[in-house]
C-alpha atoms as a PDB file:
ATOM      1  CA  MET A   1       0.181  -0.155  -0.302  1.00  0.00           C
ATOM      2  CA  SER A   2       3.085   2.117   0.415  1.00  0.00           C
ATOM      3  CA  THR A   3       4.359   1.220  -2.771  1.00  0.00           C
ATOM      4  CA  HIS A   4       1.337   2.224  -4.393  1.00  0.00           C
ATOM      5  CA  GLY A   5       1.238   5.793  -2.407  1.00  0.00           C
ATOM      6  CA  GLY A   6       4.832   6.203  -3.715  1.00  0.00           C
ATOM      7  CA  GLU A   7       4.332   5.829  -7.201  1.00  0.00           C
ATOM      8  CA  SER A   8       1.388   8.045  -6.912  1.00  0.00           C
ATOM      9  CA  GLY A   9       3.418  11.038  -5.750  1.00  0.00           C
ATOM     10  CA  GLN A  10       6.196  10.405  -7.946  1.00  0.00           C
ATOM     11  CA  GLY A  11       3.984  10.471 -11.160  1.00  0.00           C
ATOM     12  CA  ARG A  12       2.311  13.237 -10.036  1.00  0.00           C
ATOM     13  CA  ARG A  13       5.537  15.198  -9.666  1.00  0.00           C
ATOM     14  CA  TYR A  14       6.113  14.151 -13.370  1.00  0.00           C
ATOM     15  CA  ARG A  15       2.981  15.842 -14.570  1.00  0.00           C
ATOM     16  CA  HIS A  16       3.859  19.007 -12.387  1.00  0.00           C
ATOM     17  CA  VAL A  17       7.160  19.498 -13.980  1.00  0.00           C
ATOM     18  CA  ALA A  18       5.639  18.912 -17.175  1.00  0.00           C
ATOM     19  CA  GLY A  19       3.143  21.786 -16.587  1.00  0.00           C
ATOM     20  CA  VAL A  20       5.392  23.407 -15.920  1.00  0.00           C
ATOM     21  CA  ILE A  21       8.495  22.859 -18.285  1.00  0.00           C
ATOM     22  CA  VAL A  22       5.811  22.536 -21.609  1.00  0.00           C
ATOM     23  CA  PRO A  23       4.291  25.520 -20.889  1.00  0.00           C
ATOM     24  CA  ALA A  24       7.395  27.789 -20.654  1.00  0.00           C
ATOM     25  CA  LEU A  25       8.427  26.180 -23.371  1.00  0.00           C
ATOM     26  CA  LEU A  26       5.558  26.825 -25.696  1.00  0.00           C
ATOM     27  CA  VAL A  27       5.987  30.770 -24.323  1.00  0.00           C
ATOM     28  CA  VAL A  28       9.446  30.722 -25.832  1.00  0.00           C
ATOM     29  CA  LEU A  29       8.344  29.348 -29.134  1.00  0.00           C
ATOM     30  CA  ALA A  30       5.974  32.324 -29.118  1.00  0.00           C
ATOM     31  CA  LEU A  31       8.345  34.953 -28.239  1.00  0.00           C
ATOM     32  CA  TRP A  32      10.574  33.141 -30.994  1.00  0.00           C
ATOM     33  CA  VAL A  33       8.019  33.392 -33.677  1.00  0.00           C
ATOM     34  CA  TRP A  34       6.825  36.561 -32.714  1.00  0.00           C
ATOM     35  CA  GLY A  35      10.236  38.611 -33.041  1.00  0.00           C
ATOM     36  CA  ARG A  36      10.619  36.955 -36.960  1.00  0.00           C
ATOM     37  CA  THR A  37       7.011  38.404 -38.063  1.00  0.00           C
ATOM     38  CA  PRO A  38       7.821  42.308 -39.151  1.00  0.00           C
ATOM     39  CA  SER A  39       5.182  44.653 -37.485  1.00  0.00           C
ATOM     40  CA  SER A  40       2.759  46.638 -38.946  1.00  0.00           C
ATOM     41  CA  ALA A  41       4.581  49.871 -37.674  1.00  0.00           C
ATOM     42  CA  SER A  42       7.783  48.682 -39.450  1.00  0.00           C
ATOM     43  CA  LEU A  43       5.898  48.199 -42.559  1.00  0.00           C
ATOM     44  CA  ALA A  44       4.235  51.977 -42.281  1.00  0.00           C
ATOM     45  CA  ALA A  45       7.510  53.055 -41.686  1.00  0.00           C
ATOM     46  CA  ASP A  46       9.408  51.238 -44.104  1.00  0.00           C
ATOM     47  CA  GLY A  47       6.634  52.560 -46.681  1.00  0.00           C
ATOM     48  CA  PRO A  48       5.916  51.102 -50.402  1.00  0.00           C
ATOM     49  CA  ARG A  49       9.153  50.316 -52.387  1.00  0.00           C
ATOM     50  CA  SER A  50       9.495  52.491 -55.642  1.00  0.00           C
ATOM     51  CA  ALA A  51       9.487  51.172 -59.238  1.00  0.00           C
ATOM     52  CA  THR A  52      13.240  51.421 -60.665  1.00  0.00           C
ATOM     53  CA  PRO A  53      13.065  54.704 -62.474  1.00  0.00           C
ATOM     54  CA  VAL A  54      12.614  54.865 -66.429  1.00  0.00           C
ATOM     55  CA  ALA A  55      15.886  56.483 -67.053  1.00  0.00           C
ATOM     56  CA  GLU A  56      17.883  53.814 -65.250  1.00  0.00           C
ATOM     57  CA  ARG A  57      16.892  51.184 -67.430  1.00  0.00           C
ATOM     58  CA  SER A  58      18.676  49.612 -70.444  1.00  0.00           C
ATOM     59  CA  VAL A  59      15.925  49.940 -72.805  1.00  0.00           C
ATOM     60  CA  ALA A  60      16.324  53.261 -75.177  1.00  0.00           C
ATOM     61  CA  PRO A  61      13.177  55.664 -74.992  1.00  0.00           C
ATOM     62  CA  PHE A  62      10.865  55.541 -77.923  1.00  0.00           C
ATOM     63  CA  PRO A  63      11.005  58.533 -80.298  1.00  0.00           C
ATOM     64  CA  THR A  64       8.506  61.666 -79.890  1.00  0.00           C
ATOM     65  CA  VAL A  65       6.626  61.783 -82.737  1.00  0.00           C
ATOM     66  CA  PRO A  66       5.881  65.747 -83.554  1.00  0.00           C
ATOM     67  CA  PRO A  67       2.477  67.112 -84.277  1.00  0.00           C
ATOM     68  CA  VAL A  68       1.214  66.936 -88.095  1.00  0.00           C
ATOM     69  CA  GLY A  69       3.344  69.410 -89.923  1.00  0.00           C
ATOM     70  CA  ALA A  70       5.758  70.333 -87.332  1.00  0.00           C
ATOM     71  CA  ALA A  71       9.447  69.735 -87.713  1.00  0.00           C
ATOM     72  CA  PRO A  72      10.909  66.719 -86.659  1.00  0.00           C
ATOM     73  CA  THR A  73      13.389  66.782 -83.308  1.00  0.00           C
ATOM     74  CA  THR A  74      16.145  65.049 -82.843  1.00  0.00           C
ATOM     75  CA  PRO A  75      17.108  64.395 -79.219  1.00  0.00           C
ATOM     76  CA  PRO A  76      20.061  66.439 -78.054  1.00  0.00           C
ATOM     77  CA  SER A  77      22.270  63.325 -77.707  1.00  0.00           C
ATOM     78  CA  THR A  78      22.038  62.215 -81.476  1.00  0.00           C
ATOM     79  CA  GLN A  79      21.873  66.018 -82.979  1.00  0.00           C
ATOM     80  CA  ALA A  80      24.516  66.471 -85.818  1.00  0.00           C
ATOM     81  CA  THR A  81      26.711  69.449 -85.042  1.00  0.00           C
ATOM     82  CA  THR A  82      26.837  71.934 -87.663  1.00  0.00           C
ATOM     83  CA  PRO A  83      30.627  72.070 -89.420  1.00  0.00           C
ATOM     84  CA  SER A  84      32.237  75.247 -89.609  1.00  0.00           C
ATOM     85  CA  SER A  85      32.234  77.204 -92.186  1.00  0.00           C
ATOM     86  CA  THR A  86      35.966  77.808 -91.853  1.00  0.00           C
ATOM     87  CA  PRO A  87      38.308  75.763 -93.742  1.00  0.00           C
ATOM     88  CA  ALA A  88      40.661  73.014 -92.285  1.00  0.00           C
ATOM     89  CA  GLY A  89      44.168  74.886 -91.222  1.00  0.00           C
ATOM     90  CA  THR A  90      42.655  78.626 -91.279  1.00  0.00           C
ATOM     91  CA  PRO A  91      43.036  80.271 -88.099  1.00  0.00           C
ATOM     92  CA  ALA A  92      39.381  81.874 -86.795  1.00  0.00           C
ATOM     93  CA  GLY A  93      39.176  85.580 -87.737  1.00  0.00           C
ATOM     94  CA  THR A  94      41.714  85.389 -90.668  1.00  0.00           C
ATOM     95  CA  PRO A  95      40.243  87.709 -93.368  1.00  0.00           C
ATOM     96  CA  ALA A  96      39.787  86.394 -96.623  1.00  0.00           C
ATOM     97  CA  ALA A  97      41.708  88.576 -98.519  1.00  0.00           C
ATOM     98  CA  PRO A  98      43.908  92.020 -97.636  1.00  0.00           C
ATOM     99  CA  PRO A  99      42.133  95.785 -98.770  1.00  0.00           C
ATOM    100  CA  THR A 100      42.817  96.833-101.867  1.00  0.00           C
ATOM    101  CA  ALA A 101      42.954 100.592-102.621  1.00  0.00           C
ATOM    102  CA  THR A 102      40.655 100.497-105.415  1.00  0.00           C
ATOM    103  CA  PRO A 103      36.822  99.208-104.324  1.00  0.00           C
ATOM    104  CA  SER A 104      35.036  96.691-106.314  1.00  0.00           C
ATOM    105  CA  ILE A 105      31.646  97.357-107.643  1.00  0.00           C
ATOM    106  CA  THR A 106      29.220  95.168-106.355  1.00  0.00           C
ATOM    107  CA  THR A 107      26.283  94.050-108.522  1.00  0.00           C
ATOM    108  CA  SER A 108      23.510  95.921-106.572  1.00  0.00           C
ATOM    109  CA  GLU A 109      22.961  99.436-107.386  1.00  0.00           C
ATOM    110  CA  PRO A 110      24.376 102.008-105.771  1.00  0.00           C
ATOM    111  CA  GLY A 111      21.910 105.122-107.052  1.00  0.00           C
ATOM    112  CA  GLY A 112      21.460 108.059-104.634  1.00  0.00           C
ATOM    113  CA  THR A 113      17.808 108.320-105.357  1.00  0.00           C
ATOM    114  CA  ALA A 114      15.292 105.459-105.012  1.00  0.00           C
ATOM    115  CA  GLY A 115      11.959 104.960-107.603  1.00  0.00           C
ATOM    116  CA  THR A 116      14.201 106.327-110.539  1.00  0.00           C
ATOM    117  CA  ALA A 117      11.195 105.019-112.977  1.00  0.00           C
ATOM    118  CA  GLY A 118      10.107 107.592-115.270  1.00  0.00           C
ATOM    119  CA  THR A 119      13.075 110.117-114.189  1.00  0.00           C
ATOM    120  CA  GLY A 120      15.306 108.942-116.757  1.00  0.00           C
ATOM    121  CA  LEU A 121      17.878 107.638-114.447  1.00  0.00           C
ATOM    122  CA  ASP A 122      17.153 104.220-115.487  1.00  0.00           C
ATOM    123  CA  ALA A 123      19.541 105.091-118.594  1.00  0.00           C
ATOM    124  CA  GLY A 124      21.615 102.180-119.434  1.00  0.00           C
ATOM    125  CA  ARG A 125      19.720  99.522-117.296  1.00  0.00           C
ATOM    126  CA  SER A 126      15.997  99.198-118.506  1.00  0.00           C
ATOM    127  CA  GLU A 127      16.543 102.509-120.730  1.00  0.00           C
ATOM    128  CA  PRO A 128      18.557 103.514-123.629  1.00  0.00           C
ATOM    129  CA  GLY A 129      21.399 105.436-122.234  1.00  0.00           C
ATOM    130  CA  ILE A 130      24.879 104.793-120.446  1.00  0.00           C
ATOM    131  CA  ARG A 131      25.113 104.303-116.713  1.00  0.00           C
ATOM    132  CA  LEU A 132      28.583 104.668-115.323  1.00  0.00           C
ATOM    133  CA  ASP A 133      28.650 103.266-111.349  1.00  0.00           C
ATOM    134  CA  ALA A 134      32.340 104.382-109.806  1.00  0.00           C
ATOM    135  CA  ALA A 135      34.070 103.757-106.677  1.00  0.00           C
ATOM    136  CA  THR A 136      36.509 105.959-105.451  1.00  0.00           C
ATOM    137  CA  GLY A 137      39.987 104.408-104.196  1.00  0.00           C
ATOM    138  CA  THR A 138      41.977 105.395-101.380  1.00  0.00           C
ATOM    139  CA  ASP A 139      44.816 106.368-103.957  1.00  0.00           C
ATOM    140  CA  GLY A 140      42.344 108.070-106.408  1.00  0.00           C
ATOM    141  CA  SER A 141      41.900 105.647-108.892  1.00  0.00           C
ATOM    142  CA  VAL A 142      38.112 104.727-109.509  1.00  0.00           C
ATOM    143  CA  ALA A 143      36.973 101.504-110.411  1.00  0.00           C
ATOM    144  CA  VAL A 144      34.074 101.749-112.726  1.00  0.00           C
ATOM    145  CA  THR A 145      30.817  99.435-114.061  1.00  0.00           C
ATOM    146  CA  GLU A 146      29.831 100.898-117.479  1.00  0.00           C
ATOM    147  CA  ARG A 147      26.872 100.001-118.511  1.00  0.00           C
ATOM    148  CA  VAL A 148      25.479 100.243-121.894  1.00  0.00           C
ATOM    149  CA  ARG A 149      21.672 100.044-123.529  1.00  0.00           C
ATOM    150  CA  LEU A 150      21.787 101.043-127.667  1.00  0.00           C
ATOM    151  CA  VAL A 151      18.834 101.921-129.814  1.00  0.00           C
ATOM    152  CA  SER A 152      20.592 100.192-132.754  1.00  0.00           C
ATOM    153  CA  ALA A 153      22.608  97.117-132.547  1.00  0.00           C
ATOM    154  CA  VAL A 154      26.382  97.134-133.017  1.00  0.00           C
ATOM    155  CA  ASP A 155      29.468  95.025-133.629  1.00  0.00           C
ATOM    156  CA  VAL A 156      32.269  97.234-133.265  1.00  0.00           C
ATOM    157  CA  LEU A 157      32.866  99.119-129.593  1.00  0.00           C
ATOM    158  CA  ARG A 158      34.535 102.275-129.743  1.00  0.00           C
ATOM    159  CA  LEU A 159      36.097 103.121-126.619  1.00  0.00           C
ATOM    160  CA  ALA A 160      38.275 106.635-125.797  1.00  0.00           C
ATOM    161  CA  VAL A 161      39.620 107.425-122.742  1.00  0.00           C
ATOM    162  CA  PRO A 162      38.240 111.095-122.116  1.00  0.00           C
ATOM    163  CA  ASP A 163      39.649 114.251-122.192  1.00  0.00           C
ATOM    164  CA  LEU A 164      39.355 115.912-118.600  1.00  0.00           C
ATOM    165  CA  THR A 165      40.696 119.203-119.500  1.00  0.00           C
ATOM    166  CA  ALA A 166      37.489 120.981-119.925  1.00  0.00           C
ATOM    167  CA  GLY A 167      36.485 120.020-115.694  1.00  0.00           C
ATOM    168  CA  GLY A 168      38.662 123.062-115.132  1.00  0.00           C
ATOM    169  CA  PRO A 169      42.721 124.475-114.894  1.00  0.00           C
ATOM    170  CA  ALA A 170      43.268 121.720-112.269  1.00  0.00           C
ATOM    171  CA  PHE A 171      43.097 119.089-114.796  1.00  0.00           C
ATOM    172  CA  ALA A 172      44.881 120.491-117.215  1.00  0.00           C
ATOM    173  CA  THR A 173      48.229 118.432-116.944  1.00  0.00           C
ATOM    174  CA  ALA A 174      45.818 115.799-115.907  1.00  0.00           C
ATOM    175  CA  ARG A 175      46.791 112.010-117.664  1.00  0.00           C
ATOM    176  CA  PRO A 176      43.770 109.806-117.269  1.00  0.00           C
ATOM    177  CA  GLY A 177      44.409 105.686-118.238  1.00  0.00           C
ATOM    178  CA  VAL A 178      42.655 102.646-117.906  1.00  0.00           C
ATOM    179  CA  ARG A 179      43.935  99.213-116.571  1.00  0.00           C
ATOM    180  CA  ASP A 180      41.749  95.911-115.934  1.00  0.00           C
ATOM    181  CA  LEU A 181      39.294  96.624-119.033  1.00  0.00           C
ATOM    182  CA  ARG A 182      37.236  93.867-119.201  1.00  0.00           C
ATOM    183  CA  VAL A 183      33.980  94.103-121.812  1.00  0.00           C
ATOM    184  CA  THR A 184      30.584  91.660-121.629  1.00  0.00           C
ATOM    185  CA  VAL A 185      27.991  90.532-123.387  1.00  0.00           C
ATOM    186  CA  GLY A 186      25.316  88.703-121.862  1.00  0.00           C
ATOM    187  CA  GLY A 187      27.983  87.715-119.362  1.00  0.00           C
ATOM    188  CA  SER A 188      30.499  86.829-120.722  1.00  0.00           C
ATOM    189  CA  ASP A 189      33.637  88.005-121.683  1.00  0.00           C
ATOM    190  CA  VAL A 190      34.711  89.622-124.989  1.00  0.00           C
ATOM    191  CA  PRO A 191      38.639  88.996-126.386  1.00  0.00           C
ATOM    192  CA  LEU A 192      40.042  92.053-126.032  1.00  0.00           C
ATOM    193  CA  ALA A 193      43.783  92.463-128.011  1.00  0.00           C
ATOM    194  CA  ALA A 194      44.470  95.041-124.780  1.00  0.00           C
ATOM    195  CA  ARG A 195      43.383  95.515-121.304  1.00  0.00           C
ATOM    196  CA  GLY A 196      44.655  98.845-120.920  1.00  0.00           C
ATOM    197  CA  ALA A 197      44.405 101.917-123.182  1.00  0.00           C
ATOM    198  CA  ASP A 198      45.440 105.788-123.136  1.00  0.00           C
ATOM    199  CA  GLY A 199      43.508 106.799-126.209  1.00  0.00           C
ATOM    200  CA  LEU A 200      41.223 105.172-128.519  1.00  0.00           C
ATOM    201  CA  GLN A 201      40.669 101.461-128.811  1.00  0.00           C
ATOM    202  CA  LEU A 202      38.143  99.446-131.262  1.00  0.00           C
ATOM    203  CA  VAL A 203      36.630  95.863-129.425  1.00  0.00           C
ATOM    204  CA  ALA A 204      34.997  93.387-131.761  1.00  0.00           C
ATOM    205  CA  LEU A 205      32.283  91.684-130.841  1.00  0.00           C
ATOM    206  CA  PRO A 206      31.342  88.133-131.487  1.00  0.00           C
ATOM    207  CA  GLY A 207      28.077  89.720-132.756  1.00  0.00           C
ATOM    208  CA  SER A 208      25.761  92.604-133.272  1.00  0.00           C
ATOM    209  CA  THR A 209      24.343  93.433-130.036  1.00  0.00           C
ATOM    210  CA  THR A 210      22.169  96.848-128.058  1.00  0.00           C
ATOM    211  CA  ALA A 211      23.441  96.223-124.725  1.00  0.00           C
ATOM    212  CA  TYR A 212      27.151  96.021-123.294  1.00  0.00           C
ATOM    213  CA  GLU A 213      28.898  96.464-120.011  1.00  0.00           C
ATOM    214  CA  LEU A 214      32.598  97.271-119.138  1.00  0.00           C
ATOM    215  CA  HIS A 215      34.496  96.928-116.359  1.00  0.00           C
ATOM    216  CA  TYR A 216      38.007  98.800-115.706  1.00  0.00           C
ATOM    217  CA  VAL A 217      39.910 101.046-113.096  1.00  0.00           C
ATOM    218  CA  LEU A 218      40.408 104.618-114.129  1.00  0.00           C
ATOM    219  CA  THR A 219      44.011 106.517-113.218  1.00  0.00           C
ATOM    220  CA  GLY A 220      45.237 109.408-113.441  1.00  0.00           C
ATOM    221  CA  ALA A 221      41.626 111.296-113.386  1.00  0.00           C
ATOM    222  CA  THR A 222      42.608 112.780-109.716  1.00  0.00           C
ATOM    223  CA  VAL A 223      44.174 115.754-108.710  1.00  0.00           C
ATOM    224  CA  ARG A 224      44.724 117.504-106.022  1.00  0.00           C
ATOM    225  CA  SER A 225      42.236 120.671-104.748  1.00  0.00           C
ATOM    226  CA  MET A 226      44.434 123.810-104.579  1.00  0.00           C
ATOM    227  CA  PRO A 227      43.441 125.461-102.509  1.00  0.00           C
ATOM    228  CA  SER A 228      41.910 123.427-100.054  1.00  0.00           C
ATOM    229  CA  ARG A 229      42.458 121.422 -96.577  1.00  0.00           C
ATOM    230  CA  PRO A 230      44.898 118.664 -96.934  1.00  0.00           C
ATOM    231  CA  GLY A 231      43.282 115.413 -98.317  1.00  0.00           C
ATOM    232  CA  ARG A 232      40.814 117.095-100.378  1.00  0.00           C
ATOM    233  CA  ALA A 233      40.788 116.352-104.648  1.00  0.00           C
ATOM    234  CA  LEU A 234      39.083 116.379-107.510  1.00  0.00           C
ATOM    235  CA  THR A 235      38.120 113.262-109.948  1.00  0.00           C
ATOM    236  CA  GLY A 236      36.779 113.670-113.353  1.00  0.00           C
ATOM    237  CA  LEU A 237      34.843 110.814-114.749  1.00  0.00           C
ATOM    238  CA  ALA A 238      32.967 110.192-118.149  1.00  0.00           C
ATOM    239  CA  PRO A 239      32.119 107.583-120.164  1.00  0.00           C
ATOM    240  CA  LEU A 240      34.442 105.368-121.982  1.00  0.00           C
ATOM    241  CA  SER A 241      32.018 104.291-124.599  1.00  0.00           C
ATOM    242  CA  ARG A 242      31.279 106.437-127.953  1.00  0.00           C
ATOM    243  CA  PRO A 243      27.980 105.727-129.008  1.00  0.00           C
ATOM    244  CA  GLU A 244      25.850 107.283-131.365  1.00  0.00           C
ATOM    245  CA  ALA A 245      25.111 111.176-130.198  1.00  0.00           C
ATOM    246  CA  GLY A 246      22.769 112.275-128.147  1.00  0.00           C
ATOM    247  CA  THR A 247      22.835 108.941-125.847  1.00  0.00           C
ATOM    248  CA  SER A 248      21.770 109.893-122.098  1.00  0.00           C
ATOM    249  CA  VAL A 249      24.331 109.555-119.394  1.00  0.00           C
ATOM    250  CA  VAL A 250      23.610 109.261-115.961  1.00  0.00           C
ATOM    251  CA  VAL A 251      26.361 108.762-112.882  1.00  0.00           C
ATOM    252  CA  ALA A 252      26.343 107.317-109.582  1.00  0.00           C
ATOM    253  CA  THR A 253      28.928 107.010-106.618  1.00  0.00           C
ATOM    254  CA  ILE A 254      29.590 104.727-103.837  1.00  0.00           C
ATOM    255  CA  GLY A 255      31.441 105.844-100.760  1.00  0.00           C
ATOM    256  CA  SER A 256      31.661 108.009 -98.390  1.00  0.00           C
ATOM    257  CA  SER A 257      34.926 109.740 -99.805  1.00  0.00           C
ATOM    258  CA  VAL A 258      32.659 111.470-102.703  1.00  0.00           C
ATOM    259  CA  LEU A 259      31.432 114.694-101.142  1.00  0.00           C
ATOM    260  CA  ASN A 260      29.843 116.229-103.997  1.00  0.00           C
ATOM    261  CA  LEU A 261      29.446 116.043-107.746  1.00  0.00           C
ATOM    262  CA  THR A 262      29.643 118.881-110.361  1.00  0.00           C
ATOM    263  CA  CYS A 263      29.022 119.368-114.188  1.00  0.00           C
ATOM    264  CA  PRO A 264      30.848 121.879-115.556  1.00  0.00           C
ATOM    265  CA  LEU A 265      29.546 121.423-119.129  1.00  0.00           C
ATOM    266  CA  LEU A 266      26.039 122.324-118.411  1.00  0.00           C
ATOM    267  CA  ALA A 267      24.405 125.203-120.065  1.00  0.00           C
ATOM    268  CA  ASP A 268      23.723 126.952-116.747  1.00  0.00           C
ATOM    269  CA  ALA A 269      27.008 127.641-115.729  1.00  0.00           C
ATOM    270  CA  GLY A 270      25.949 129.560-113.214  1.00  0.00           C
ATOM    271  CA  ASP A 271      24.954 126.424-110.738  1.00  0.00           C
ATOM    272  CA  VAL A 272      26.971 123.526-111.558  1.00  0.00           C
ATOM    273  CA  THR A 273      25.964 121.209-108.610  1.00  0.00           C
ATOM    274  CA  CYS A 274      24.268 118.579-110.022  1.00  0.00           C
ATOM    275  CA  SER A 275      24.411 115.888-107.136  1.00  0.00           C
ATOM    276  CA  ASP A 276      21.438 114.385-105.834  1.00  0.00           C
ATOM    277  CA  GLY A 277      21.235 111.443-102.737  1.00  0.00           C
ATOM    278  CA  ILE A 278      22.798 110.810 -99.238  1.00  0.00           C
ATOM    279  CA  ARG A 279      26.787 110.953 -98.907  1.00  0.00           C
ATOM    280  CA  GLY A 280      27.844 107.255-100.123  1.00  0.00           C
ATOM    281  CA  ARG A 281      25.213 107.131-102.390  1.00  0.00           C
ATOM    282  CA  MET A 282      25.089 109.983-104.565  1.00  0.00           C
ATOM    283  CA  THR A 283      23.932 110.375-108.362  1.00  0.00           C
ATOM    284  CA  VAL A 284      23.686 113.058-110.740  1.00  0.00           C
ATOM    285  CA  ARG A 285      19.928 115.046-110.590  1.00  0.00           C
ATOM    286  CA  ALA A 286      18.822 113.952-113.989  1.00  0.00           C
ATOM    287  CA  PRO A 287      20.790 112.339-117.185  1.00  0.00           C
ATOM    288  CA  LEU A 288      23.294 114.300-118.697  1.00  0.00           C
ATOM    289  CA  PRO A 289      23.547 114.957-122.437  1.00  0.00           C
ATOM    290  CA  ASP A 290      26.836 113.198-124.140  1.00  0.00           C
ATOM    291  CA  SER A 291      27.916 116.349-124.763  1.00  0.00           C
ATOM    292  CA  ALA A 292      28.183 117.490-121.467  1.00  0.00           C
ATOM    293  CA  ALA A 293      28.807 114.024-119.873  1.00  0.00           C
ATOM    294  CA  LEU A 294      31.538 115.127-117.942  1.00  0.00           C
ATOM    295  CA  VAL A 295      31.367 115.188-114.142  1.00  0.00           C
ATOM    296  CA  VAL A 296      33.799 116.689-111.246  1.00  0.00           C
ATOM    297  CA  LEU A 297      34.049 114.572-107.781  1.00  0.00           C
ATOM    298  CA  GLN A 298      34.971 116.542-104.866  1.00  0.00           C
ATOM    299  CA  VAL A 299      36.517 113.660-103.112  1.00  0.00           C
ATOM    300  CA  GLU A 300      38.559 113.075 -99.769  1.00  0.00           C
ATOM    301  CA  LEU A 301      41.227 110.779-100.324  1.00  0.00           C
ATOM    302  CA  ALA A 302      42.867 108.811 -97.184  1.00  0.00           C
ATOM    303  CA  GLY A 303      45.225 110.753 -94.436  1.00  0.00           C
ATOM    304  CA  SER A 304      42.968 113.915 -95.108  1.00  0.00           C
ATOM    305  CA  GLY A 305      41.869 115.324 -91.424  1.00  0.00           C
END
């Protein structure tokens, strides 16, 4: 009977120990599981994860399609670089060519007064006559483009260096001449026996024509104006062409070195000033008859004060 009571007491002790240890193990297991599970607070703090930015992806973006009628745009990374207009080996800022003493005549019309239609100042361009476009150089030479339009066709040109002695006593010793002469018909050069002249020259044309152009440099036509301030001079100018009598002549000048124009052979000798326009773009007020087509330019040469 004592043995049965001892066994029962020992069994009760085992059950008591198991009842203490098993709950403790369950508590420890529950605490371990709870520590491994993220809390809702930590999830809220972390927030949702952002997607990988498009720019960081390796896939190239699609090209932008412009609206209809708009010019297509090129992404900055693929824009072509505009090549420099400066030739290879040419330093930047290097002038194309050194300036010359005699300026050239441009293709633009340098007349002093706009709207010359109906005034007779279109002589040599759209009307029969001669037009001289002149640009004075710093050395006294004059670059001239002489346009001629005739009523009757010719096949031989009579060219003669002008006589300037009628311009006044200052031209008594003047010795005008021509260099770099070119004759063109319809934009094509006419063969010449000589590109310079100091007298009369006949030029045979390849065919009959009513329009031609002369390009030349007039030399020896500038004389010092005495008495006057240093640098002031007078330049005589008259057509090189000798067409039929009665041909009207228009003279226009380019460049600020020309101060005034006078026409000493006009019938009204009391007022020989015949300039119109502004300084740098002057022309005669009205066409001159070929018998009085001598114009004296009052010029200011380089180095004048």
